[in-house]
Protein backbone atom coordinates (compact mmCIF):
# COMPACT_ATOMS: atom_id res chain seq x y z
CA MET A 1 92.17 276.80 209.04
CA ALA A 2 91.27 277.51 212.66
CA LEU A 3 94.32 276.52 214.68
CA ARG A 4 95.26 277.82 218.09
CA ALA A 5 98.34 279.85 217.29
CA ALA A 6 101.28 279.90 219.69
CA SER A 7 102.56 283.29 220.79
CA SER A 8 105.55 284.60 218.91
CA CYS A 9 108.23 284.74 221.58
CA LEU A 10 109.58 282.36 224.22
CA TYR A 11 108.66 283.30 227.79
CA ARG A 12 111.73 283.86 229.98
CA PRO A 13 110.80 284.77 233.56
CA ALA A 14 113.10 287.56 234.73
CA ALA A 15 116.18 285.89 233.22
CA SER A 16 116.96 288.59 230.66
CA THR A 17 116.97 291.30 233.35
CA ALA A 18 119.30 289.25 235.53
CA VAL A 19 121.70 288.75 232.63
CA ARG A 20 121.75 292.44 231.73
CA ASN A 21 122.58 293.44 235.31
CA LEU A 22 125.55 291.13 235.70
CA SER A 23 127.97 293.24 233.71
CA SER A 24 128.29 295.11 230.48
CA LYS A 25 130.44 292.32 229.05
CA PRO A 26 128.43 290.16 226.57
CA LEU A 27 127.70 286.65 227.81
CA THR A 28 128.35 283.54 225.79
CA ARG A 29 125.37 281.48 224.64
CA LEU A 30 126.16 278.81 227.26
CA GLU A 31 126.40 281.39 230.06
CA SER A 32 123.11 282.95 229.00
CA MET A 33 121.42 279.55 228.98
CA ARG A 34 122.73 278.75 232.47
CA LYS A 35 121.46 282.06 233.82
CA ARG A 36 118.04 281.52 232.27
CA LEU A 37 117.80 277.99 233.70
CA GLU A 38 118.78 279.27 237.15
CA ALA A 39 116.06 281.89 236.95
CA GLU A 40 113.48 279.29 235.89
CA ASP A 41 114.52 276.97 238.72
CA ALA A 42 114.16 279.78 241.23
CA ALA A 43 110.70 280.60 239.94
CA SER A 44 109.64 276.94 240.07
CA ILE A 45 110.92 276.52 243.63
CA ALA A 46 109.10 279.65 244.70
CA ALA A 47 105.94 278.34 243.09
CA SER A 48 106.21 275.00 244.87
CA LEU A 49 106.50 276.81 248.23
CA SER A 50 103.48 279.02 247.66
CA PRO A 51 100.56 278.34 250.04
CA SER A 52 97.62 276.16 249.06
CA PRO A 53 94.13 277.71 248.77
CA SER A 54 93.35 276.54 252.34
CA SER A 55 96.41 278.27 253.84
CA PRO A 56 96.22 281.77 255.33
CA PRO A 57 96.59 284.38 252.61
CA SER A 58 100.00 286.01 252.24
CA PRO A 59 100.75 289.47 250.89
CA SER A 60 99.97 289.58 247.19
CA PRO A 61 103.04 289.79 244.97
CA SER A 62 103.35 292.46 242.36
CA PRO A 63 101.46 291.83 239.09
CA LYS A 64 104.74 291.20 237.28
CA LYS A 65 105.86 288.44 239.70
CA SER A 66 102.41 286.92 239.82
CA GLY A 67 102.38 286.60 236.06
CA ALA A 68 105.82 284.97 236.06
CA LEU A 69 104.81 282.34 238.61
CA LYS A 70 101.58 281.65 236.78
CA LYS A 71 103.46 281.05 233.53
CA THR A 72 105.99 278.75 235.22
CA ARG A 73 103.27 276.71 236.94
CA GLU A 74 100.89 276.39 234.01
CA PRO A 75 99.05 273.10 234.74
CA LYS A 76 98.84 270.33 232.19
CA PRO A 77 95.45 270.10 230.49
CA LYS A 78 93.15 267.18 231.35
CA TRP A 79 93.70 265.58 227.93
CA LEU A 80 97.36 264.86 228.82
CA LYS A 81 96.57 262.18 231.39
CA ALA A 82 98.23 258.84 230.56
CA GLN A 83 97.51 255.29 231.68
CA ILE A 84 99.37 254.03 234.76
CA PRO A 85 101.82 251.22 233.82
CA GLN A 86 100.41 247.86 234.94
CA GLY A 87 99.29 244.45 233.75
CA GLU A 88 100.78 241.08 232.83
CA ASN A 89 102.21 242.24 229.50
CA TYR A 90 103.86 245.24 231.14
CA VAL A 91 105.55 243.03 233.74
CA LYS A 92 106.64 240.53 231.07
CA LEU A 93 108.24 243.14 228.83
CA LYS A 94 109.95 244.85 231.73
CA GLU A 95 111.42 241.54 232.99
CA THR A 96 112.80 240.67 229.54
CA VAL A 97 114.33 244.13 229.09
CA ARG A 98 116.11 243.85 232.45
CA ARG A 99 117.30 240.26 231.97
CA LEU A 100 118.79 240.91 228.53
CA LYS A 101 120.19 244.31 229.58
CA LEU A 102 118.31 246.18 226.87
CA ALA A 103 117.21 249.79 226.84
CA THR A 104 113.89 251.08 225.57
CA VAL A 105 113.07 254.59 224.45
CA CYS A 106 109.76 254.06 226.26
CA GLU A 107 111.63 254.29 229.58
CA GLU A 108 114.67 256.41 228.74
CA ALA A 109 112.68 259.19 227.03
CA GLN A 110 109.88 259.04 229.64
CA CYS A 111 107.22 258.29 227.03
CA PRO A 112 103.72 258.94 228.43
CA ASN A 113 102.31 255.93 226.56
CA ILE A 114 104.41 253.24 228.25
CA GLY A 115 101.45 251.96 230.28
CA GLU A 116 99.21 251.69 227.24
CA CYS A 117 101.78 250.18 224.86
CA TRP A 118 103.55 247.79 227.26
CA GLY A 119 100.30 246.84 228.92
CA GLY A 120 98.73 245.86 225.62
CA ALA A 121 95.60 247.94 226.16
CA SER A 122 94.37 247.21 222.63
CA GLY A 123 95.36 243.54 222.64
CA THR A 124 99.01 243.64 221.53
CA ALA A 125 101.90 244.78 223.71
CA THR A 126 104.50 246.80 221.82
CA ALA A 127 107.79 248.42 222.71
CA THR A 128 110.45 250.46 220.97
CA ILE A 129 113.89 249.04 221.66
CA MET A 130 116.74 251.54 221.97
CA ILE A 131 120.04 250.06 220.89
CA MET A 132 123.66 251.23 221.31
CA GLY A 133 123.21 251.95 225.00
CA ASP A 134 121.17 254.39 227.06
CA THR A 135 123.55 257.36 226.85
CA CYS A 136 123.59 259.82 223.96
CA THR A 137 126.51 261.96 222.79
CA ARG A 138 124.16 264.85 222.03
CA GLY A 139 122.23 267.21 224.26
CA CYS A 140 118.95 268.27 222.64
CA SER A 141 117.06 270.65 224.89
CA PHE A 142 113.83 268.62 224.78
CA CYS A 143 115.16 265.10 225.38
CA ALA A 144 115.21 263.16 228.67
CA VAL A 145 117.84 260.61 227.56
CA LYS A 146 121.08 261.05 229.52
CA THR A 147 124.12 262.39 227.69
CA SER A 148 127.90 262.02 227.78
CA ARG A 149 130.84 262.75 225.50
CA ALA A 150 132.17 259.25 226.14
CA PRO A 151 129.34 256.71 226.63
CA PRO A 152 130.12 253.06 227.44
CA LYS A 153 131.33 250.86 224.59
CA LEU A 154 128.82 249.09 222.41
CA ASP A 155 127.65 245.66 223.55
CA ALA A 156 128.67 243.22 220.82
CA ASP A 157 125.96 240.80 222.00
CA GLU A 158 123.17 243.34 221.73
CA PRO A 159 121.93 242.37 218.23
CA GLU A 160 121.46 238.78 219.42
CA HIS A 161 119.79 239.90 222.65
CA VAL A 162 117.35 242.09 220.72
CA ALA A 163 116.42 239.20 218.43
CA GLN A 164 115.94 236.96 221.46
CA ALA A 165 113.70 239.49 223.20
CA VAL A 166 111.51 240.07 220.17
CA THR A 167 111.17 236.31 219.66
CA GLU A 168 110.08 235.87 223.30
CA TRP A 169 107.51 238.64 222.96
CA GLY A 170 106.08 237.10 219.80
CA LEU A 171 106.03 240.40 217.94
CA ASP A 172 105.62 240.61 214.19
CA TYR A 173 106.27 244.37 214.05
CA VAL A 174 109.20 245.85 215.93
CA VAL A 175 110.58 249.38 216.21
CA LEU A 176 114.31 249.94 216.70
CA THR A 177 115.78 253.28 217.63
CA SER A 178 119.08 254.40 219.08
CA VAL A 179 120.98 257.12 220.81
CA ASP A 180 123.46 259.21 218.80
CA ARG A 181 127.00 257.82 219.00
CA ASP A 182 129.24 260.54 217.59
CA ASP A 183 132.10 258.95 219.56
CA ILE A 184 132.26 255.94 217.20
CA GLU A 185 133.89 256.09 213.78
CA ASP A 186 130.78 254.95 211.88
CA GLN A 187 128.46 256.41 214.56
CA GLY A 188 127.05 252.93 215.16
CA ALA A 189 125.58 252.43 211.68
CA SER A 190 127.04 248.93 211.25
CA HIS A 191 125.76 247.91 214.71
CA PHE A 192 122.30 249.21 213.81
CA ALA A 193 122.32 247.33 210.49
CA ALA A 194 123.51 244.12 212.18
CA THR A 195 120.56 244.29 214.59
CA VAL A 196 118.12 244.58 211.68
CA ARG A 197 119.71 241.63 209.88
CA GLY A 198 119.59 239.57 213.09
CA LEU A 199 115.86 240.15 213.44
CA LYS A 200 115.17 239.36 209.81
CA SER A 201 117.26 236.19 209.91
CA ARG A 202 115.14 234.84 212.76
CA ASN A 203 111.85 235.83 211.17
CA PRO A 204 111.97 237.07 207.56
CA LYS A 205 108.28 238.02 207.73
CA MET A 206 108.80 240.30 210.71
CA LEU A 207 108.29 243.96 209.86
CA VAL A 208 111.07 246.22 211.12
CA GLU A 209 110.88 249.97 211.57
CA CYS A 210 114.10 251.87 212.31
CA LEU A 211 114.05 255.32 213.88
CA THR A 212 117.61 256.44 213.20
CA PRO A 213 119.96 259.30 214.07
CA ASP A 214 121.09 261.68 211.31
CA PHE A 215 124.68 260.35 211.26
CA ARG A 216 125.82 263.97 210.84
CA GLY A 217 124.55 263.84 207.27
CA GLU A 218 127.03 261.14 206.18
CA LEU A 219 124.79 259.46 203.65
CA ASP A 220 126.88 256.33 203.17
CA LEU A 221 125.99 255.46 206.77
CA VAL A 222 122.30 256.02 206.02
CA THR A 223 122.69 253.60 203.10
CA GLN A 224 123.99 250.86 205.42
CA ILE A 225 120.75 250.84 207.38
CA ALA A 226 118.33 251.58 204.53
CA THR A 227 119.59 248.52 202.66
CA ALA A 228 119.77 246.18 205.69
CA GLY A 229 116.32 244.69 205.12
CA LEU A 230 114.04 246.98 207.13
CA ASP A 231 110.56 248.03 206.04
CA VAL A 232 110.08 251.53 207.47
CA TYR A 233 112.86 254.14 207.68
CA ALA A 234 112.06 256.81 210.26
CA HIS A 235 114.06 259.88 211.20
CA ASN A 236 112.57 262.72 213.22
CA ILE A 237 112.89 266.30 212.04
CA GLU A 238 111.50 267.23 215.50
CA THR A 239 110.50 270.84 214.84
CA VAL A 240 110.18 273.54 212.20
CA GLU A 241 113.22 275.09 210.52
CA ARG A 242 113.08 278.35 212.51
CA LEU A 243 113.34 276.57 215.88
CA GLN A 244 115.97 273.92 215.08
CA ARG A 245 118.85 275.60 216.95
CA ARG A 246 116.65 276.24 219.97
CA VAL A 247 115.32 272.69 220.17
CA ARG A 248 118.03 270.37 218.83
CA ASP A 249 121.73 269.77 219.38
CA HIS A 250 123.95 271.98 217.22
CA ARG A 251 125.12 268.94 215.24
CA ALA A 252 121.59 268.31 214.00
CA GLY A 253 119.82 270.42 211.41
CA TYR A 254 116.65 270.83 209.36
CA HIS A 255 118.18 270.34 205.91
CA GLN A 256 120.47 267.59 207.21
CA SER A 257 117.41 265.64 208.40
CA LEU A 258 115.62 266.21 205.10
CA ALA A 259 118.69 264.85 203.30
CA VAL A 260 118.65 261.68 205.44
CA LEU A 261 114.99 260.97 204.63
CA ALA A 262 115.44 261.75 200.94
CA HIS A 263 118.52 259.50 200.67
CA ALA A 264 116.85 256.56 202.40
CA LYS A 265 114.03 256.68 199.84
CA ALA A 266 116.49 257.09 196.96
CA VAL A 267 118.60 254.02 197.80
CA ALA A 268 115.61 251.87 198.80
CA PRO A 269 112.50 253.09 196.97
CA HIS A 270 110.35 250.31 198.48
CA LEU A 271 110.80 251.75 201.98
CA LEU A 272 108.15 253.77 203.74
CA THR A 273 109.73 256.91 205.16
CA LYS A 274 108.44 258.51 208.33
CA THR A 275 109.11 261.55 210.53
CA SER A 276 107.69 263.32 213.57
CA LEU A 277 107.03 266.87 214.74
CA MET A 278 106.66 268.15 218.31
CA LEU A 279 104.11 270.93 218.77
CA GLY A 280 104.00 273.44 221.59
CA VAL A 281 107.61 274.62 221.32
CA GLY A 282 106.87 278.01 219.73
CA GLU A 283 106.04 277.04 216.15
CA HIS A 284 103.70 279.15 214.02
CA GLU A 285 101.05 277.84 211.67
CA GLU A 286 102.98 278.91 208.59
CA ASP A 287 106.13 277.17 209.95
CA VAL A 288 104.36 273.83 210.22
CA ILE A 289 102.77 274.09 206.79
CA ALA A 290 106.16 274.91 205.21
CA THR A 291 107.68 271.89 206.96
CA LEU A 292 104.95 269.56 205.73
CA GLU A 293 105.41 270.84 202.19
CA ASP A 294 109.18 270.26 202.40
CA LEU A 295 108.57 266.69 203.59
CA ARG A 296 106.21 265.94 200.73
CA LYS A 297 108.73 267.29 198.21
CA ILE A 298 111.04 264.41 199.20
CA ASP A 299 108.16 261.91 199.25
CA VAL A 300 108.01 261.24 203.00
CA ASP A 301 105.09 258.84 203.50
CA VAL A 302 104.16 259.17 207.17
CA VAL A 303 104.16 262.05 209.65
CA THR A 304 103.16 262.14 213.31
CA PHE A 305 102.36 265.13 215.55
CA GLY A 306 102.63 265.13 219.34
CA GLN A 307 102.70 267.57 222.24
CA TYR A 308 106.09 268.48 223.70
CA LEU A 309 106.19 267.75 227.45
CA ARG A 310 109.04 269.16 229.52
CA PRO A 311 110.97 266.29 231.20
CA SER A 312 112.47 268.51 233.93
CA ARG A 313 113.29 272.10 234.82
CA ARG A 314 116.64 271.61 233.09
CA HIS A 315 114.90 271.25 229.73
CA MET A 316 113.30 273.93 227.61
CA PRO A 317 109.86 275.01 228.83
CA VAL A 318 106.60 274.20 227.06
CA LYS A 319 105.56 277.18 224.98
CA SER A 320 101.91 276.15 224.64
CA PHE A 321 99.59 273.20 225.15
CA VAL A 322 97.95 272.41 221.83
CA SER A 323 94.30 271.36 222.00
CA PRO A 324 93.05 268.01 220.68
CA GLU A 325 90.97 269.95 218.16
CA ALA A 326 94.09 271.62 216.78
CA PHE A 327 95.80 268.24 216.48
CA GLU A 328 92.80 266.97 214.53
CA GLU A 329 93.07 269.96 212.22
CA TRP A 330 96.76 269.30 211.61
CA GLN A 331 95.87 265.72 210.71
CA ARG A 332 93.41 266.95 208.09
CA VAL A 333 95.98 269.38 206.69
CA ALA A 334 98.70 266.71 206.43
CA GLU A 335 96.36 264.19 204.85
CA GLY A 336 95.31 266.83 202.33
CA LEU A 337 98.95 267.25 201.32
CA GLY A 338 99.20 263.57 200.40
CA PHE A 339 100.82 261.77 203.33
CA LYS A 340 99.86 258.09 203.33
CA TYR A 341 99.31 258.07 207.07
CA VAL A 342 99.13 260.76 209.76
CA ALA A 343 98.95 260.20 213.53
CA SER A 344 98.18 263.40 215.42
CA GLY A 345 97.33 263.90 219.08
CA PRO A 346 98.68 265.29 222.37
CA LEU A 347 100.18 261.97 223.49
CA VAL A 348 101.20 260.64 220.07
CA ARG A 349 104.91 259.90 219.76
CA SER A 350 106.92 258.90 216.69
CA SER A 351 106.66 255.18 217.51
CA TYR A 352 103.16 255.22 218.97
CA LYS A 353 101.50 251.82 218.48
CA ALA A 354 98.41 253.26 216.78
CA GLY A 355 100.55 253.99 213.76
CA GLU A 356 102.29 250.64 213.76
CA PHE A 357 99.17 248.68 212.80
CA TYR A 358 98.40 251.03 209.94
CA LEU A 359 102.02 251.05 208.79
CA LYS A 360 101.91 247.29 208.85
CA ALA A 361 98.96 247.40 206.49
CA LEU A 362 100.81 249.78 204.17
CA VAL A 363 103.85 247.52 204.07
CA GLU A 364 101.75 244.44 203.46
CA GLN A 365 99.88 246.32 200.72
CA GLN A 366 103.18 246.93 198.94
CA ARG A 367 103.89 243.20 199.29
CA GLY A 368 100.51 242.42 197.73
CA ASP A 369 98.95 240.92 200.87
CA VAL A 370 96.25 243.57 201.35
CA ARG A 371 93.87 245.42 199.10
CA LEU A 372 92.08 248.75 199.33
CA SER A 373 88.30 248.76 199.59
CA GLU A 374 86.14 250.96 197.37
CA ASP A 375 85.92 253.64 200.05
CA GLY A 376 89.71 253.77 200.41
CA GLY A 377 89.86 251.68 203.59
CA ILE A 378 92.47 248.98 204.08
CA GLN A 379 91.38 245.33 204.14
CA LEU A 380 93.95 243.08 205.79
CA HIS A 381 94.71 239.54 204.63
CA HIS A 382 96.84 237.21 206.76
CA VAL A 383 97.92 240.05 209.03
CA ARG A 384 97.92 239.61 212.79
CA ALA A 385 96.92 242.65 214.87
């Protein structure tokens, strides 16, 4: 398999030298991280002040410094350009979100597809609603959602507001996700389940996908949501096992996430289970293959691959930009392992609309409303798209 392999170590411009020179006393992990971030910020600021090609040349820096600045300023490839948010559907969704005081992961996580999905570029506007507020109790190093140890209290009216918004939009497939709420006794599981039931009570035929937290591995909380009437249970493993501590909050974990997905399928076998992997954070080919094999062992149905994009200098840097060809190869590999559906591309995210239409077909197939053609394609019956 010809994949563009990422290099084996994380690039840290001059930070390790600065840390070693501070003192002989070992630094804590937090202190080391702060020093590294300060070094990266300094390098980025220096890069932004460097002269343009039309400016008079300045003395050339040493090869070592030049390499550091080049790494820090690595431009995004042309295939990472996203559509500018615009259009009637975009304005309509944004107005409803503001009026009902809802949050969407499209905005909070700075999703690059917001213009395409909210604008309805392929005919149907979609959005992923983020419940339980816009502030997370965790601090994953890749995530743009704001964090706090004590977020605002839950809005008791939110389940009704979500149902109202979805009804106004006329959606028949909706994705719910949430922040982590470790500050609440049940971590918001009952609130999440109530939102699902509210949607289903208004429109029993509506298909509901839930992208949930891990609830610290407390499986009784997973059961609450898995049995609330949803159709697709999603939980993101985010990255390979080797990089979990580098990428995710310390309260998350590889095997904990696998347990969540396995339990959801065990208590509700009819559910489709789904997860997502970010590429470009330092993973190796063998890491990704091992992860896919672990997911298939617990019968995960759907996997998506997307490129990690750094939200700010305060987040972990991009290790590599994965080519569209490599994403296509990962799709072939995952499909060969038996996943029912794979979405793979630089701008694909876990709730990307391209997957929703196919997932809808899979759900309807299980309900007996679709059939497979002789060539394995899906033929829809009474399904709006």
